[in-house]
Protein backbone atom coordinates (compact mmCIF):
# COMPACT_ATOMS: atom_id res chain seq x y z
CA UNK A 1 13.48 17.43 -0.61
CA UNK A 2 15.76 14.64 0.58
CA UNK A 3 17.45 16.70 3.28
CA UNK A 4 16.30 14.81 6.40
CA UNK A 5 19.84 13.82 7.35
CA UNK A 6 20.92 17.49 7.44
CA UNK A 7 18.69 17.99 10.49
CA UNK A 8 19.77 14.82 12.27
CA UNK A 9 21.37 16.71 15.16
CA UNK A 10 18.03 18.42 15.89
CA UNK A 11 16.15 15.17 16.50
CA UNK A 12 15.85 14.12 20.14
CA UNK A 13 17.58 10.96 21.28
CA UNK A 14 15.17 8.08 20.95
CA UNK A 15 13.44 9.88 18.06
CA UNK A 16 13.17 8.72 14.50
CA UNK A 17 13.61 9.98 10.99
CA UNK A 18 11.32 8.32 8.48
CA UNK A 19 11.87 9.49 4.94
CA UNK A 20 9.77 8.94 1.86
CA UNK A 21 12.72 9.83 -0.31
CA UNK A 22 13.33 7.94 -3.53
CA UNK A 23 16.72 6.85 -2.19
CA UNK A 24 15.90 3.66 -0.39
CA UNK A 25 17.77 0.43 0.06
CA UNK A 26 18.27 -1.81 -2.93
CA UNK A 27 16.28 -4.57 -1.24
CA UNK A 28 13.26 -2.31 -0.70
CA UNK A 29 13.48 -1.07 -4.30
CA UNK A 30 13.68 -4.63 -5.63
CA UNK A 31 10.53 -5.62 -3.74
CA UNK A 32 8.55 -2.51 -4.70
CA UNK A 33 5.80 -2.29 -7.30
CA UNK A 34 8.02 -0.03 -9.39
CA UNK A 35 9.90 -3.11 -10.49
CA UNK A 36 6.80 -4.84 -11.89
CA UNK A 37 6.97 -5.18 -15.65
CA UNK A 38 3.22 -4.93 -16.02
CA UNK A 39 0.28 -4.49 -13.66
CA UNK A 40 -1.27 -7.85 -14.52
CA UNK A 41 1.90 -9.94 -14.21
CA UNK A 42 3.82 -10.91 -11.13
CA UNK A 43 7.21 -10.93 -12.87
CA UNK A 44 9.61 -8.22 -11.84
CA UNK A 45 12.59 -6.55 -13.36
CA UNK A 46 15.85 -7.07 -11.51
CA UNK A 47 17.82 -4.22 -9.97
CA UNK A 48 21.39 -4.77 -11.22
CA UNK A 49 23.55 -6.28 -8.47
CA UNK A 50 26.09 -3.39 -8.22
CA UNK A 51 23.29 -0.81 -7.96
CA UNK A 52 21.45 -2.90 -5.36
CA UNK A 53 24.61 -3.29 -3.27
CA UNK A 54 25.39 0.44 -3.60
CA UNK A 55 21.89 1.44 -2.44
CA UNK A 56 22.11 -1.01 0.48
CA UNK A 57 25.49 0.42 1.54
CA UNK A 58 24.20 4.01 1.38
CA UNK A 59 21.15 3.01 3.45
CA UNK A 60 23.36 1.37 6.07
CA UNK A 61 25.55 4.49 6.23
CA UNK A 62 22.47 6.66 6.88
CA UNK A 63 21.33 4.24 9.61
CA UNK A 64 24.79 4.28 11.22
CA UNK A 65 24.93 8.10 11.17
CA UNK A 66 21.52 8.28 12.81
CA UNK A 67 22.45 5.74 15.47
CA UNK A 68 25.42 7.91 16.52
CA UNK A 69 22.83 10.50 17.59
CA UNK A 70 20.60 7.90 19.25
CA UNK A 71 18.06 8.27 16.46
CA UNK A 72 16.37 5.56 14.43
CA UNK A 73 16.41 5.95 10.64
CA UNK A 74 14.17 4.23 8.14
CA UNK A 75 12.79 4.88 4.72
CA UNK A 76 9.44 4.10 3.22
CA UNK A 77 9.02 3.59 -0.49
CA UNK A 78 5.49 4.80 -1.02
CA UNK A 79 3.49 3.03 -3.62
CA UNK A 80 0.43 4.74 -5.09
CA UNK A 81 -2.33 2.74 -3.46
CA UNK A 82 -5.18 3.30 -1.05
CA UNK A 83 -3.93 0.74 1.48
CA UNK A 84 -0.71 2.68 2.17
CA UNK A 85 -2.57 5.99 2.43
CA UNK A 86 -5.05 4.41 4.84
CA UNK A 87 -2.17 3.12 7.00
CA UNK A 88 -0.64 6.60 7.20
CA UNK A 89 -4.02 8.12 8.09
CA UNK A 90 -4.44 5.61 10.91
CA UNK A 91 -0.93 6.35 12.26
CA UNK A 92 -1.70 10.08 12.30
CA UNK A 93 -5.06 9.60 14.03
CA UNK A 94 -3.50 7.25 16.61
CA UNK A 95 -0.79 9.80 17.37
CA UNK A 96 1.98 7.47 16.17
CA UNK A 97 2.96 9.84 13.38
CA UNK A 98 3.28 13.56 13.92
CA UNK A 99 3.97 16.00 11.14
CA UNK A 100 6.01 19.13 11.63
CA UNK A 101 4.63 22.23 9.95
CA UNK A 102 7.08 24.99 9.09
CA UNK A 103 5.41 27.58 6.86
CA UNK A 104 1.64 28.08 6.76
CA UNK A 105 -0.19 30.27 4.27
CA UNK A 106 -3.88 30.81 3.63
CA UNK A 107 -4.96 30.12 0.05
CA UNK A 108 -6.64 33.51 -0.30
CA UNK A 109 -3.49 35.38 0.76
CA UNK A 110 -1.68 35.35 -2.58
CA UNK A 111 1.53 36.94 -1.31
CA UNK A 112 1.78 34.45 1.58
CA UNK A 113 1.29 31.56 -0.88
CA UNK A 114 4.02 32.99 -3.12
CA UNK A 115 6.35 33.35 -0.14
CA UNK A 116 5.67 29.77 0.98
CA UNK A 117 6.32 28.47 -2.53
CA UNK A 118 9.55 30.46 -2.69
CA UNK A 119 10.70 28.89 0.59
CA UNK A 120 10.18 25.43 -0.93
CA UNK A 121 11.79 26.45 -4.23
CA UNK A 122 14.87 27.85 -2.48
CA UNK A 123 15.17 24.74 -0.31
CA UNK A 124 15.80 26.94 2.73
CA UNK A 125 12.60 26.42 4.65
CA UNK A 126 14.19 24.84 7.69
CA UNK A 127 12.33 22.16 9.54
CA UNK A 128 8.77 21.30 8.66
CA UNK A 129 6.51 21.16 5.65
CA UNK A 130 4.94 24.11 3.91
CA UNK A 131 1.16 23.98 4.20
CA UNK A 132 -1.38 25.97 2.22
CA UNK A 133 -4.70 26.14 4.09
CA UNK A 134 -7.99 26.40 2.20
């Protein structure tokens, strides 16, 4: 929900925050597939210069804030393709990427699912992702 920086003080020194938030640097946005005008052409739309500079400045501010805590900050602009998903799967299997689970609910427990959804809706779930187990 774009609140990774709120929990910055809880990350151990030497740790990292990697966000998949839509707010990325202007350079990353410019080079993403979102900027393609059509799937079959290589031409790209241009992110207006002031917006690109603004996004780059905000990204550098987030990196500077994280470095004050001894934490590395980076963002990934996920593109809907199998190659990226395969990379993430390999990182998880190799132990390079570890997810933090906050709320867990079993699919057949309707009230637990409702409670987990309410936690996400309220935006007050704390650290970790809500997971519904089948």
